[in-house]
Amino acid sequence: MLAALGAALLLTGCVAVVVGGAAGAGTYAYIKGELKVSESCTLDQAWSASQAAMKDLEFTVTTKQKDALQGRLVAHTATDKKVEILLKKLSDKVTEVRIRVGTFGDEDLSKVIIQKIEKRL
């Protein structure tokens, strides 16, 4: 199965780095400039944690959109780098969190952001 996954990644040209998340959280993947993780929490918990993480990092939030199934936060760093957090309800107790920093992504900053979010969950 790993060989098939590796071959698929090579054929599609995407690079994946899978690293462990915070204690109690699953693993997350960084693919094509976007960090993606499924968290064991409700959409509302992920929404609150994401907003708190932006405040902790002192990022300026410019867009907040949320309904019962998904949410979107857009913020900017002090150097005006765009940070976009997308939340998607997968079930009553699981929420997908996707983070993109800038146009092409920033893996290190994405990891900092997800750690801040997980700390608030």
PDB file of N, CA and C in Angstrom:
ATOM      1  N   MET A   1       0.832  -1.190   0.000  1.00  0.00           N
ATOM      2  CA  MET A   1       0.000   0.000   0.000  1.00  0.00           C
ATOM      3  C   MET A   1       0.876   1.254   0.000  1.00  0.00           C
ATOM      4  N   LEU A   2       1.970   1.229   0.797  1.00  0.00           N
ATOM      5  CA  LEU A   2       2.860   2.391   0.818  1.00  0.00           C
ATOM      6  C   LEU A   2       3.513   2.613  -0.538  1.00  0.00           C
ATOM      7  N   ALA A   3       3.863   1.515  -1.216  1.00  0.00           N
ATOM      8  CA  ALA A   3       4.471   1.649  -2.534  1.00  0.00           C
ATOM      9  C   ALA A   3       3.500   2.287  -3.511  1.00  0.00           C
ATOM     10  N   ALA A   4       2.230   1.883  -3.441  1.00  0.00           N
ATOM     11  CA  ALA A   4       1.219   2.463  -4.321  1.00  0.00           C
ATOM     12  C   ALA A   4       1.026   3.941  -4.032  1.00  0.00           C
ATOM     13  N   LEU A   5       1.008   4.296  -2.739  1.00  0.00           N
ATOM     14  CA  LEU A   5       0.870   5.697  -2.367  1.00  0.00           C
ATOM     15  C   LEU A   5       2.064   6.496  -2.857  1.00  0.00           C
ATOM     16  N   GLY A   6       3.256   5.948  -2.668  1.00  0.00           N
ATOM     17  CA  GLY A   6       4.473   6.622  -3.131  1.00  0.00           C
ATOM     18  C   GLY A   6       4.455   6.832  -4.629  1.00  0.00           C
ATOM     19  N   ALA A   7       4.046   5.799  -5.376  1.00  0.00           N
ATOM     20  CA  ALA A   7       3.973   5.909  -6.829  1.00  0.00           C
ATOM     21  C   ALA A   7       2.943   6.957  -7.236  1.00  0.00           C
ATOM     22  N   ALA A   8       1.803   6.960  -6.560  1.00  0.00           N
ATOM     23  CA  ALA A   8       0.763   7.952  -6.881  1.00  0.00           C
ATOM     24  C   ALA A   8       1.277   9.368  -6.644  1.00  0.00           C
ATOM     25  N   LEU A   9       2.008   9.567  -5.558  1.00  0.00           N
ATOM     26  CA  LEU A   9       2.540  10.900  -5.266  1.00  0.00           C
ATOM     27  C   LEU A   9       3.555  11.325  -6.315  1.00  0.00           C
ATOM     28  N   LEU A  10       4.402  10.392  -6.740  1.00  0.00           N
ATOM     29  CA  LEU A  10       5.392  10.727  -7.756  1.00  0.00           C
ATOM     30  C   LEU A  10       4.723  11.060  -9.087  1.00  0.00           C
ATOM     31  N   LEU A  11       3.698  10.302  -9.444  1.00  0.00           N
ATOM     32  CA  LEU A  11       3.021  10.540 -10.704  1.00  0.00           C
ATOM     33  C   LEU A  11       2.236  11.843 -10.713  1.00  0.00           C
ATOM     34  N   THR A  12       1.709  12.248  -9.562  1.00  0.00           N
ATOM     35  CA  THR A  12       0.936  13.487  -9.521  1.00  0.00           C
ATOM     36  C   THR A  12       1.824  14.695  -9.263  1.00  0.00           C
ATOM     37  N   GLY A  13       3.051  14.458  -8.872  1.00  0.00           N
ATOM     38  CA  GLY A  13       3.978  15.552  -8.669  1.00  0.00           C
ATOM     39  C   GLY A  13       3.822  16.278  -7.357  1.00  0.00           C
ATOM     40  N   CYS A  14       3.046  15.743  -6.426  1.00  0.00           N
ATOM     41  CA  CYS A  14       2.907  16.432  -5.151  1.00  0.00           C
ATOM     42  C   CYS A  14       3.840  15.803  -4.126  1.00  0.00           C
ATOM     43  N   VAL A  15       4.259  16.607  -3.194  1.00  0.00           N
ATOM     44  CA  VAL A  15       5.150  16.157  -2.146  1.00  0.00           C
ATOM     45  C   VAL A  15       4.394  16.187  -0.832  1.00  0.00           C
ATOM     46  N   ALA A  16       4.455  15.124  -0.098  1.00  0.00           N
ATOM     47  CA  ALA A  16       3.752  15.052   1.178  1.00  0.00           C
ATOM     48  C   ALA A  16       4.747  14.846   2.298  1.00  0.00           C
ATOM     49  N   VAL A  17       4.564  15.563   3.360  1.00  0.00           N
ATOM     50  CA  VAL A  17       5.347  15.375   4.567  1.00  0.00           C
ATOM     51  C   VAL A  17       4.356  15.127   5.684  1.00  0.00           C
ATOM     52  N   VAL A  18       4.434  13.980   6.298  1.00  0.00           N
ATOM     53  CA  VAL A  18       3.514  13.653   7.371  1.00  0.00           C
ATOM     54  C   VAL A  18       4.289  13.693   8.671  1.00  0.00           C
ATOM     55  N   VAL A  19       3.796  14.460   9.601  1.00  0.00           N
ATOM     56  CA  VAL A  19       4.446  14.610  10.888  1.00  0.00           C
ATOM     57  C   VAL A  19       3.415  14.465  11.985  1.00  0.00           C
ATOM     58  N   GLY A  20       3.870  14.152  13.180  1.00  0.00           N
ATOM     59  CA  GLY A  20       2.939  13.997  14.296  1.00  0.00           C
ATOM     60  C   GLY A  20       2.440  15.327  14.785  1.00  0.00           C
ATOM     61  N   GLY A  21       1.173  15.366  15.145  1.00  0.00           N
ATOM     62  CA  GLY A  21       0.579  16.572  15.710  1.00  0.00           C
ATOM     63  C   GLY A  21       0.804  16.598  17.205  1.00  0.00           C
ATOM     64  N   ALA A  22       0.096  17.430  17.893  1.00  0.00           N
ATOM     65  CA  ALA A  22       0.209  17.566  19.339  1.00  0.00           C
ATOM     66  C   ALA A  22      -0.380  16.336  20.017  1.00  0.00           C
ATOM     67  N   ALA A  23      -0.102  16.210  21.288  1.00  0.00           N
ATOM     68  CA  ALA A  23      -0.605  15.071  22.045  1.00  0.00           C
ATOM     69  C   ALA A  23      -2.123  14.990  21.922  1.00  0.00           C
ATOM     70  N   GLY A  24      -2.618  13.796  21.638  1.00  0.00           N
ATOM     71  CA  GLY A  24      -4.055  13.620  21.525  1.00  0.00           C
ATOM     72  C   GLY A  24      -4.605  13.937  20.147  1.00  0.00           C
ATOM     73  N   ALA A  25      -3.793  14.507  19.297  1.00  0.00           N
ATOM     74  CA  ALA A  25      -4.242  14.833  17.951  1.00  0.00           C
ATOM     75  C   ALA A  25      -3.699  13.793  16.985  1.00  0.00           C
ATOM     76  N   GLY A  26      -4.308  13.697  15.837  1.00  0.00           N
ATOM     77  CA  GLY A  26      -3.838  12.763  14.828  1.00  0.00           C
ATOM     78  C   GLY A  26      -2.638  13.318  14.104  1.00  0.00           C
ATOM     79  N   THR A  27      -2.235  12.616  13.068  1.00  0.00           N
ATOM     80  CA  THR A  27      -1.139  13.120  12.260  1.00  0.00           C
ATOM     81  C   THR A  27      -1.697  14.120  11.266  1.00  0.00           C
ATOM     82  N   TYR A  28      -0.816  14.931  10.731  1.00  0.00           N
ATOM     83  CA  TYR A  28      -1.266  15.861   9.721  1.00  0.00           C
ATOM     84  C   TYR A  28      -0.341  15.795   8.526  1.00  0.00           C
ATOM     85  N   ALA A  29      -0.826  16.245   7.411  1.00  0.00           N
ATOM     86  CA  ALA A  29      -0.079  16.190   6.165  1.00  0.00           C
ATOM     87  C   ALA A  29       0.102  17.589   5.620  1.00  0.00           C
ATOM     88  N   TYR A  30       1.269  17.820   5.034  1.00  0.00           N
ATOM     89  CA  TYR A  30       1.549  19.075   4.364  1.00  0.00           C
ATOM     90  C   TYR A  30       1.739  18.750   2.887  1.00  0.00           C
ATOM     91  N   ILE A  31       0.750  19.133   2.080  1.00  0.00           N
ATOM     92  CA  ILE A  31       0.743  18.782   0.669  1.00  0.00           C
ATOM     93  C   ILE A  31       0.450  20.022  -0.167  1.00  0.00           C
ATOM     94  N   LYS A  32       1.299  20.257  -1.147  1.00  0.00           N
ATOM     95  CA  LYS A  32       1.123  21.377  -2.088  1.00  0.00           C
ATOM     96  C   LYS A  32       0.878  22.700  -1.367  1.00  0.00           C
ATOM     97  N   GLY A  33       1.631  22.961  -0.305  1.00  0.00           N
ATOM     98  CA  GLY A  33       1.536  24.250   0.380  1.00  0.00           C
ATOM     99  C   GLY A  33       0.422  24.369   1.388  1.00  0.00           C
ATOM    100  N   GLU A  34      -0.278  23.270   1.651  1.00  0.00           N
ATOM    101  CA  GLU A  34      -1.405  23.315   2.583  1.00  0.00           C
ATOM    102  C   GLU A  34      -1.245  22.238   3.651  1.00  0.00           C
ATOM    103  N   LEU A  35      -1.439  22.642   4.894  1.00  0.00           N
ATOM    104  CA  LEU A  35      -1.416  21.699   6.005  1.00  0.00           C
ATOM    105  C   LEU A  35      -2.848  21.252   6.261  1.00  0.00           C
ATOM    106  N   LYS A  36      -3.047  19.949   6.424  1.00  0.00           N
ATOM    107  CA  LYS A  36      -4.396  19.406   6.593  1.00  0.00           C
ATOM    108  C   LYS A  36      -4.386  18.397   7.736  1.00  0.00           C
ATOM    109  N   VAL A  37      -5.371  18.516   8.636  1.00  0.00           N
ATOM    110  CA  VAL A  37      -5.491  17.600   9.763  1.00  0.00           C
ATOM    111  C   VAL A  37      -6.966  17.428  10.120  1.00  0.00           C
ATOM    112  N   SER A  38      -7.317  16.237  10.575  1.00  0.00           N
ATOM    113  CA  SER A  38      -8.652  15.991  11.112  1.00  0.00           C
ATOM    114  C   SER A  38      -8.547  16.004  12.625  1.00  0.00           C
ATOM    115  N   GLU A  39      -9.296  16.890  13.252  1.00  0.00           N
ATOM    116  CA  GLU A  39      -9.272  17.036  14.698  1.00  0.00           C
ATOM    117  C   GLU A  39     -10.501  16.405  15.326  1.00  0.00           C
ATOM    118  N   SER A  40     -10.324  15.805  16.482  1.00  0.00           N
ATOM    119  CA  SER A  40     -11.443  15.219  17.239  1.00  0.00           C
ATOM    120  C   SER A  40     -12.120  16.321  18.042  1.00  0.00           C
ATOM    121  N   CYS A  41     -12.955  17.092  17.361  1.00  0.00           N
ATOM    122  CA  CYS A  41     -13.667  18.197  18.000  1.00  0.00           C
ATOM    123  C   CYS A  41     -14.828  18.606  17.111  1.00  0.00           C
ATOM    124  N   THR A  42     -15.729  19.372  17.674  1.00  0.00           N
ATOM    125  CA  THR A  42     -16.839  19.888  16.888  1.00  0.00           C
ATOM    126  C   THR A  42     -16.362  21.051  16.026  1.00  0.00           C
ATOM    127  N   LEU A  43     -17.156  21.401  15.045  1.00  0.00           N
ATOM    128  CA  LEU A  43     -16.846  22.565  14.217  1.00  0.00           C
ATOM    129  C   LEU A  43     -16.776  23.822  15.072  1.00  0.00           C
ATOM    130  N   ASP A  44     -17.701  23.978  16.016  1.00  0.00           N
ATOM    131  CA  ASP A  44     -17.702  25.162  16.881  1.00  0.00           C
ATOM    132  C   ASP A  44     -16.438  25.238  17.738  1.00  0.00           C
ATOM    133  N   GLN A  45     -15.962  24.096  18.233  1.00  0.00           N
ATOM    134  CA  GLN A  45     -14.725  24.095  19.021  1.00  0.00           C
ATOM    135  C   GLN A  45     -13.531  24.494  18.152  1.00  0.00           C
ATOM    136  N   ALA A  46     -13.470  23.961  16.935  1.00  0.00           N
ATOM    137  CA  ALA A  46     -12.374  24.299  16.023  1.00  0.00           C
ATOM    138  C   ALA A  46     -12.431  25.779  15.634  1.00  0.00           C
ATOM    139  N   TRP A  47     -13.638  26.306  15.456  1.00  0.00           N
ATOM    140  CA  TRP A  47     -13.824  27.715  15.111  1.00  0.00           C
ATOM    141  C   TRP A  47     -13.291  28.612  16.231  1.00  0.00           C
ATOM    142  N   SER A  48     -13.700  28.319  17.458  1.00  0.00           N
ATOM    143  CA  SER A  48     -13.241  29.112  18.608  1.00  0.00           C
ATOM    144  C   SER A  48     -11.733  29.003  18.782  1.00  0.00           C
ATOM    145  N   ALA A  49     -11.205  27.789  18.641  1.00  0.00           N
ATOM    146  CA  ALA A  49      -9.765  27.581  18.805  1.00  0.00           C
ATOM    147  C   ALA A  49      -8.968  28.309  17.722  1.00  0.00           C
ATOM    148  N   SER A  50      -9.485  28.317  16.496  1.00  0.00           N
ATOM    149  CA  SER A  50      -8.802  29.005  15.393  1.00  0.00           C
ATOM    150  C   SER A  50      -8.775  30.512  15.616  1.00  0.00           C
ATOM    151  N   GLN A  51      -9.899  31.074  16.061  1.00  0.00           N
ATOM    152  CA  GLN A  51      -9.931  32.511  16.351  1.00  0.00           C
ATOM    153  C   GLN A  51      -8.972  32.865  17.493  1.00  0.00           C
ATOM    154  N   ALA A  52      -8.952  32.017  18.527  1.00  0.00           N
ATOM    155  CA  ALA A  52      -8.054  32.256  19.664  1.00  0.00           C
ATOM    156  C   ALA A  52      -6.590  32.157  19.226  1.00  0.00           C
ATOM    157  N   ALA A  53      -6.284  31.222  18.338  1.00  0.00           N
ATOM    158  CA  ALA A  53      -4.911  31.082  17.841  1.00  0.00           C
ATOM    159  C   ALA A  53      -4.476  32.329  17.088  1.00  0.00           C
ATOM    160  N   MET A  54      -5.378  32.902  16.282  1.00  0.00           N
ATOM    161  CA  MET A  54      -5.045  34.128  15.552  1.00  0.00           C
ATOM    162  C   MET A  54      -4.764  35.269  16.529  1.00  0.00           C
ATOM    163  N   LYS A  55      -5.551  35.332  17.597  1.00  0.00           N
ATOM    164  CA  LYS A  55      -5.348  36.358  18.616  1.00  0.00           C
ATOM    165  C   LYS A  55      -4.023  36.133  19.343  1.00  0.00           C
ATOM    166  N   ASP A  56      -3.728  34.875  19.711  1.00  0.00           N
ATOM    167  CA  ASP A  56      -2.468  34.547  20.380  1.00  0.00           C
ATOM    168  C   ASP A  56      -1.264  34.950  19.540  1.00  0.00           C
ATOM    169  N   LEU A  57      -1.375  34.751  18.230  1.00  0.00           N
ATOM    170  CA  LEU A  57      -0.270  35.061  17.318  1.00  0.00           C
ATOM    171  C   LEU A  57      -0.266  36.519  16.881  1.00  0.00           C
ATOM    172  N   GLU A  58      -1.271  37.273  17.324  1.00  0.00           N
ATOM    173  CA  GLU A  58      -1.407  38.689  17.010  1.00  0.00           C
ATOM    174  C   GLU A  58      -1.548  38.945  15.508  1.00  0.00           C
ATOM    175  N   PHE A  59      -2.220  38.023  14.810  1.00  0.00           N
ATOM    176  CA  PHE A  59      -2.525  38.207  13.399  1.00  0.00           C
ATOM    177  C   PHE A  59      -3.816  39.010  13.291  1.00  0.00           C
ATOM    178  N   THR A  60      -3.924  39.822  12.264  1.00  0.00           N
ATOM    179  CA  THR A  60      -5.111  40.626  12.028  1.00  0.00           C
ATOM    180  C   THR A  60      -6.106  39.830  11.202  1.00  0.00           C
ATOM    181  N   VAL A  61      -7.247  39.516  11.788  1.00  0.00           N
ATOM    182  CA  VAL A  61      -8.288  38.764  11.091  1.00  0.00           C
ATOM    183  C   VAL A  61      -9.086  39.722  10.218  1.00  0.00           C
ATOM    184  N   THR A  62      -9.180  39.397   8.927  1.00  0.00           N
ATOM    185  CA  THR A  62      -9.891  40.266   7.990  1.00  0.00           C
ATOM    186  C   THR A  62     -11.195  39.647   7.484  1.00  0.00           C
ATOM    187  N   THR A  63     -11.317  38.325   7.584  1.00  0.00           N
ATOM    188  CA  THR A  63     -12.530  37.650   7.116  1.00  0.00           C
ATOM    189  C   THR A  63     -12.920  36.553   8.086  1.00  0.00           C
ATOM    190  N   LYS A  64     -14.202  36.529   8.452  1.00  0.00           N
ATOM    191  CA  LYS A  64     -14.771  35.465   9.281  1.00  0.00           C
ATOM    192  C   LYS A  64     -16.061  35.032   8.624  1.00  0.00           C
ATOM    193  N   GLN A  65     -16.124  33.775   8.195  1.00  0.00           N
ATOM    194  CA  GLN A  65     -17.340  33.232   7.593  1.00  0.00           C
ATOM    195  C   GLN A  65     -17.569  31.845   8.184  1.00  0.00           C
ATOM    196  N   LYS A  66     -18.778  31.593   8.679  1.00  0.00           N
ATOM    197  CA  LYS A  66     -19.078  30.293   9.268  1.00  0.00           C
ATOM    198  C   LYS A  66     -20.555  30.002   9.126  1.00  0.00           C
ATOM    199  N   ASP A  67     -20.847  28.733   8.845  1.00  0.00           N
ATOM    200  CA  ASP A  67     -22.212  28.235   8.897  1.00  0.00           C
ATOM    201  C   ASP A  67     -22.175  26.908   9.655  1.00  0.00           C
ATOM    202  N   ALA A  68     -23.197  26.116   9.559  1.00  0.00           N
ATOM    203  CA  ALA A  68     -23.277  24.873  10.334  1.00  0.00           C
ATOM    204  C   ALA A  68     -22.347  23.779   9.807  1.00  0.00           C
ATOM    205  N   LEU A  69     -21.813  23.940   8.592  1.00  0.00           N
ATOM    206  CA  LEU A  69     -20.998  22.885   7.987  1.00  0.00           C
ATOM    207  C   LEU A  69     -19.538  23.241   7.770  1.00  0.00           C
ATOM    208  N   GLN A  70     -19.229  24.543   7.720  1.00  0.00           N
ATOM    209  CA  GLN A  70     -17.853  24.945   7.442  1.00  0.00           C
ATOM    210  C   GLN A  70     -17.570  26.348   7.939  1.00  0.00           C
ATOM    211  N   GLY A  71     -16.289  26.660   7.990  1.00  0.00           N
ATOM    212  CA  GLY A  71     -15.874  27.994   8.396  1.00  0.00           C
ATOM    213  C   GLY A  71     -14.628  28.409   7.637  1.00  0.00           C
ATOM    214  N   ARG A  72     -14.420  29.710   7.552  1.00  0.00           N
ATOM    215  CA  ARG A  72     -13.250  30.260   6.864  1.00  0.00           C
ATOM    216  C   ARG A  72     -12.783  31.496   7.614  1.00  0.00           C
ATOM    217  N   LEU A  73     -11.504  31.480   7.978  1.00  0.00           N
ATOM    218  CA  LEU A  73     -10.865  32.637   8.605  1.00  0.00           C
ATOM    219  C   LEU A  73      -9.718  33.079   7.709  1.00  0.00           C
ATOM    220  N   VAL A  74      -9.628  34.364   7.457  1.00  0.00           N
ATOM    221  CA  VAL A  74      -8.485  34.913   6.736  1.00  0.00           C
ATOM    222  C   VAL A  74      -7.865  35.960   7.641  1.00  0.00           C
ATOM    223  N   ALA A  75      -6.552  35.859   7.790  1.00  0.00           N
ATOM    224  CA  ALA A  75      -5.821  36.805   8.638  1.00  0.00           C
ATOM    225  C   ALA A  75      -4.527  37.191   7.930  1.00  0.00           C
ATOM    226  N   HIS A  76      -3.856  38.199   8.498  1.00  0.00           N
ATOM    227  CA  HIS A  76      -2.574  38.648   7.939  1.00  0.00           C
ATOM    228  C   HIS A  76      -1.570  38.812   9.069  1.00  0.00           C
ATOM    229  N   THR A  77      -0.339  38.413   8.775  1.00  0.00           N
ATOM    230  CA  THR A  77       0.744  38.567   9.741  1.00  0.00           C
ATOM    231  C   THR A  77       1.211  40.021   9.737  1.00  0.00           C
ATOM    232  N   ALA A  78       2.146  40.344  10.604  1.00  0.00           N
ATOM    233  CA  ALA A  78       2.688  41.710  10.663  1.00  0.00           C
ATOM    234  C   ALA A  78       3.388  42.086   9.360  1.00  0.00           C
ATOM    235  N   THR A  79       3.881  41.083   8.624  1.00  0.00           N
ATOM    236  CA  THR A  79       4.527  41.350   7.333  1.00  0.00           C
ATOM    237  C   THR A  79       3.542  41.178   6.171  1.00  0.00           C
ATOM    238  N   ASP A  80       2.250  41.183   6.500  1.00  0.00           N
ATOM    239  CA  ASP A  80       1.147  41.116   5.540  1.00  0.00           C
ATOM    240  C   ASP A  80       1.085  39.805   4.765  1.00  0.00           C
ATOM    241  N   LYS A  81       1.601  38.724   5.364  1.00  0.00           N
ATOM    242  CA  LYS A  81       1.464  37.412   4.755  1.00  0.00           C
ATOM    243  C   LYS A  81       0.059  36.899   5.060  1.00  0.00           C
ATOM    244  N   LYS A  82      -0.647  36.454   4.036  1.00  0.00           N
ATOM    245  CA  LYS A  82      -2.016  35.972   4.188  1.00  0.00           C
ATOM    246  C   LYS A  82      -2.033  34.571   4.805  1.00  0.00           C
ATOM    247  N   VAL A  83      -2.911  34.391   5.779  1.00  0.00           N
ATOM    248  CA  VAL A  83      -3.127  33.093   6.427  1.00  0.00           C
ATOM    249  C   VAL A  83      -4.598  32.744   6.256  1.00  0.00           C
ATOM    250  N   GLU A  84      -4.873  31.587   5.667  1.00  0.00           N
ATOM    251  CA  GLU A  84      -6.251  31.155   5.477  1.00  0.00           C
ATOM    252  C   GLU A  84      -6.463  29.827   6.199  1.00  0.00           C
ATOM    253  N   ILE A  85      -7.487  29.788   7.034  1.00  0.00           N
ATOM    254  CA  ILE A  85      -7.856  28.574   7.757  1.00  0.00           C
ATOM    255  C   ILE A  85      -9.249  28.165   7.306  1.00  0.00           C
ATOM    256  N   LEU A  86      -9.350  26.959   6.782  1.00  0.00           N
ATOM    257  CA  LEU A  86     -10.635  26.418   6.341  1.00  0.00           C
ATOM    258  C   LEU A  86     -11.027  25.278   7.264  1.00  0.00           C
ATOM    259  N   LEU A  87     -12.235  25.301   7.740  1.00  0.00           N
ATOM    260  CA  LEU A  87     -12.752  24.267   8.630  1.00  0.00           C
ATOM    261  C   LEU A  87     -13.922  23.590   7.940  1.00  0.00           C
ATOM    262  N   LYS A  88     -13.986  22.264   8.066  1.00  0.00           N
ATOM    263  CA  LYS A  88     -15.081  21.511   7.449  1.00  0.00           C
ATOM    264  C   LYS A  88     -15.552  20.442   8.418  1.00  0.00           C
ATOM    265  N   LYS A  89     -16.837  20.447   8.703  1.00  0.00           N
ATOM    266  CA  LYS A  89     -17.424  19.454   9.593  1.00  0.00           C
ATOM    267  C   LYS A  89     -17.459  18.111   8.875  1.00  0.00           C
ATOM    268  N   LEU A  90     -16.745  17.119   9.410  1.00  0.00           N
ATOM    269  CA  LEU A  90     -16.767  15.781   8.833  1.00  0.00           C
ATOM    270  C   LEU A  90     -17.802  14.908   9.528  1.00  0.00           C
ATOM    271  N   SER A  91     -18.007  15.158  10.826  1.00  0.00           N
ATOM    272  CA  SER A  91     -19.043  14.484  11.609  1.00  0.00           C
ATOM    273  C   SER A  91     -19.308  15.364  12.824  1.00  0.00           C
ATOM    274  N   ASP A  92     -20.181  14.919  13.708  1.00  0.00           N
ATOM    275  CA  ASP A  92     -20.475  15.716  14.899  1.00  0.00           C
ATOM    276  C   ASP A  92     -19.253  15.919  15.780  1.00  0.00           C
ATOM    277  N   LYS A  93     -18.264  15.013  15.695  1.00  0.00           N
ATOM    278  CA  LYS A  93     -17.112  15.083  16.586  1.00  0.00           C
ATOM    279  C   LYS A  93     -15.774  15.141  15.859  1.00  0.00           C
ATOM    280  N   VAL A  94     -15.786  15.353  14.560  1.00  0.00           N
ATOM    281  CA  VAL A  94     -14.541  15.441  13.786  1.00  0.00           C
ATOM    282  C   VAL A  94     -14.630  16.612  12.820  1.00  0.00           C
ATOM    283  N   THR A  95     -13.589  17.448  12.851  1.00  0.00           N
ATOM    284  CA  THR A  95     -13.522  18.617  11.975  1.00  0.00           C
ATOM    285  C   THR A  95     -12.194  18.612  11.230  1.00  0.00           C
ATOM    286  N   GLU A  96     -12.256  18.832   9.937  1.00  0.00           N
ATOM    287  CA  GLU A  96     -11.043  18.960   9.130  1.00  0.00           C
ATOM    288  C   GLU A  96     -10.564  20.408   9.211  1.00  0.00           C
ATOM    289  N   VAL A  97      -9.280  20.587   9.471  1.00  0.00           N
ATOM    290  CA  VAL A  97      -8.666  21.912   9.531  1.00  0.00           C
ATOM    291  C   VAL A  97      -7.622  21.971   8.422  1.00  0.00           C
ATOM    292  N   ARG A  98      -7.727  22.991   7.566  1.00  0.00           N
ATOM    293  CA  ARG A  98      -6.765  23.198   6.486  1.00  0.00           C
ATOM    294  C   ARG A  98      -6.175  24.594   6.631  1.00  0.00           C
ATOM    295  N   ILE A  99      -4.856  24.670   6.545  1.00  0.00           N
ATOM    296  CA  ILE A  99      -4.157  25.950   6.716  1.00  0.00           C
ATOM    297  C   ILE A  99      -3.266  26.192   5.508  1.00  0.00           C
ATOM    298  N   ARG A 100      -3.390  27.379   4.932  1.00  0.00           N
ATOM    299  CA  ARG A 100      -2.482  27.808   3.864  1.00  0.00           C
ATOM    300  C   ARG A 100      -1.939  29.181   4.244  1.00  0.00           C
ATOM    301  N   VAL A 101      -0.626  29.304   4.136  1.00  0.00           N
ATOM    302  CA  VAL A 101       0.040  30.570   4.420  1.00  0.00           C
ATOM    303  C   VAL A 101       0.638  31.079   3.116  1.00  0.00           C
ATOM    304  N   GLY A 102       0.229  32.265   2.722  1.00  0.00           N
ATOM    305  CA  GLY A 102       0.719  32.830   1.471  1.00  0.00           C
ATOM    306  C   GLY A 102       0.204  32.055   0.269  1.00  0.00           C
ATOM    307  N   THR A 103       0.751  32.343  -0.885  1.00  0.00           N
ATOM    308  CA  THR A 103       0.317  31.692  -2.119  1.00  0.00           C
ATOM    309  C   THR A 103       0.846  30.271  -2.225  1.00  0.00           C
ATOM    310  N   PHE A 104       2.098  30.082  -1.848  1.00  0.00           N
ATOM    311  CA  PHE A 104       2.749  28.793  -2.041  1.00  0.00           C
ATOM    312  C   PHE A 104       2.877  27.982  -0.759  1.00  0.00           C
ATOM    313  N   GLY A 105       2.443  28.553   0.361  1.00  0.00           N
ATOM    314  CA  GLY A 105       2.508  27.845   1.629  1.00  0.00           C
ATOM    315  C   GLY A 105       3.782  28.151   2.399  1.00  0.00           C
ATOM    316  N   ASP A 106       3.714  27.911   3.689  1.00  0.00           N
ATOM    317  CA  ASP A 106       4.846  28.074   4.602  1.00  0.00           C
ATOM    318  C   ASP A 106       4.676  26.982   5.663  1.00  0.00           C
ATOM    319  N   GLU A 107       5.403  25.894   5.493  1.00  0.00           N
ATOM    320  CA  GLU A 107       5.213  24.737   6.356  1.00  0.00           C
ATOM    321  C   GLU A 107       5.499  25.055   7.821  1.00  0.00           C
ATOM    322  N   ASP A 108       6.566  25.777   8.094  1.00  0.00           N
ATOM    323  CA  ASP A 108       6.918  26.087   9.482  1.00  0.00           C
ATOM    324  C   ASP A 108       5.843  26.915  10.174  1.00  0.00           C
ATOM    325  N   LEU A 109       5.364  27.969   9.506  1.00  0.00           N
ATOM    326  CA  LEU A 109       4.326  28.800  10.113  1.00  0.00           C
ATOM    327  C   LEU A 109       3.011  28.026  10.226  1.00  0.00           C
ATOM    328  N   SER A 110       2.710  27.187   9.256  1.00  0.00           N
ATOM    329  CA  SER A 110       1.507  26.356   9.329  1.00  0.00           C
ATOM    330  C   SER A 110       1.541  25.449  10.555  1.00  0.00           C
ATOM    331  N   LYS A 111       2.707  24.886  10.851  1.00  0.00           N
ATOM    332  CA  LYS A 111       2.858  24.022  12.035  1.00  0.00           C
ATOM    333  C   LYS A 111       2.647  24.821  13.324  1.00  0.00           C
ATOM    334  N   VAL A 112       3.171  26.031  13.364  1.00  0.00           N
ATOM    335  CA  VAL A 112       2.975  26.887  14.539  1.00  0.00           C
ATOM    336  C   VAL A 112       1.489  27.164  14.741  1.00  0.00           C
ATOM    337  N   ILE A 113       0.795  27.459  13.660  1.00  0.00           N
ATOM    338  CA  ILE A 113      -0.636  27.777  13.743  1.00  0.00           C
ATOM    339  C   ILE A 113      -1.433  26.570  14.225  1.00  0.00           C
ATOM    340  N   ILE A 114      -1.174  25.377  13.652  1.00  0.00           N
ATOM    341  CA  ILE A 114      -1.948  24.202  14.074  1.00  0.00           C
ATOM    342  C   ILE A 114      -1.649  23.860  15.526  1.00  0.00           C
ATOM    343  N   GLN A 115      -0.436  24.065  15.964  1.00  0.00           N
ATOM    344  CA  GLN A 115      -0.109  23.807  17.378  1.00  0.00           C
ATOM    345  C   GLN A 115      -0.857  24.766  18.283  1.00  0.00           C
ATOM    346  N   LYS A 116      -0.993  26.021  17.879  1.00  0.00           N
ATOM    347  CA  LYS A 116      -1.765  26.994  18.663  1.00  0.00           C
ATOM    348  C   LYS A 116      -3.242  26.606  18.703  1.00  0.00           C
ATOM    349  N   ILE A 117      -3.766  26.161  17.578  1.00  0.00           N
ATOM    350  CA  ILE A 117      -5.165  25.726  17.534  1.00  0.00           C
ATOM    351  C   ILE A 117      -5.364  24.526  18.434  1.00  0.00           C
ATOM    352  N   GLU A 118      -4.479  23.525  18.323  1.00  0.00           N
ATOM    353  CA  GLU A 118      -4.609  22.304  19.130  1.00  0.00           C
ATOM    354  C   GLU A 118      -4.475  22.599  20.623  1.00  0.00           C
ATOM    355  N   LYS A 119      -3.670  23.570  20.963  1.00  0.00           N
ATOM    356  CA  LYS A 119      -3.516  23.956  22.369  1.00  0.00           C
ATOM    357  C   LYS A 119      -4.843  24.466  22.954  1.00  0.00           C
ATOM    358  N   ARG A 120      -5.674  25.080  22.097  1.00  0.00           N
ATOM    359  CA  ARG A 120      -6.961  25.650  22.530  1.00  0.00           C
ATOM    360  C   ARG A 120      -8.114  24.661  22.498  1.00  0.00           C
ATOM    361  N   LEU A 121      -7.882  23.494  21.911  1.00  0.00           N
ATOM    362  CA  LEU A 121      -8.958  22.484  21.821  1.00  0.00           C
ATOM    363  C   LEU A 121      -9.104  21.712  23.111  1.00  0.00           C
TER     364      LEU A 121
END
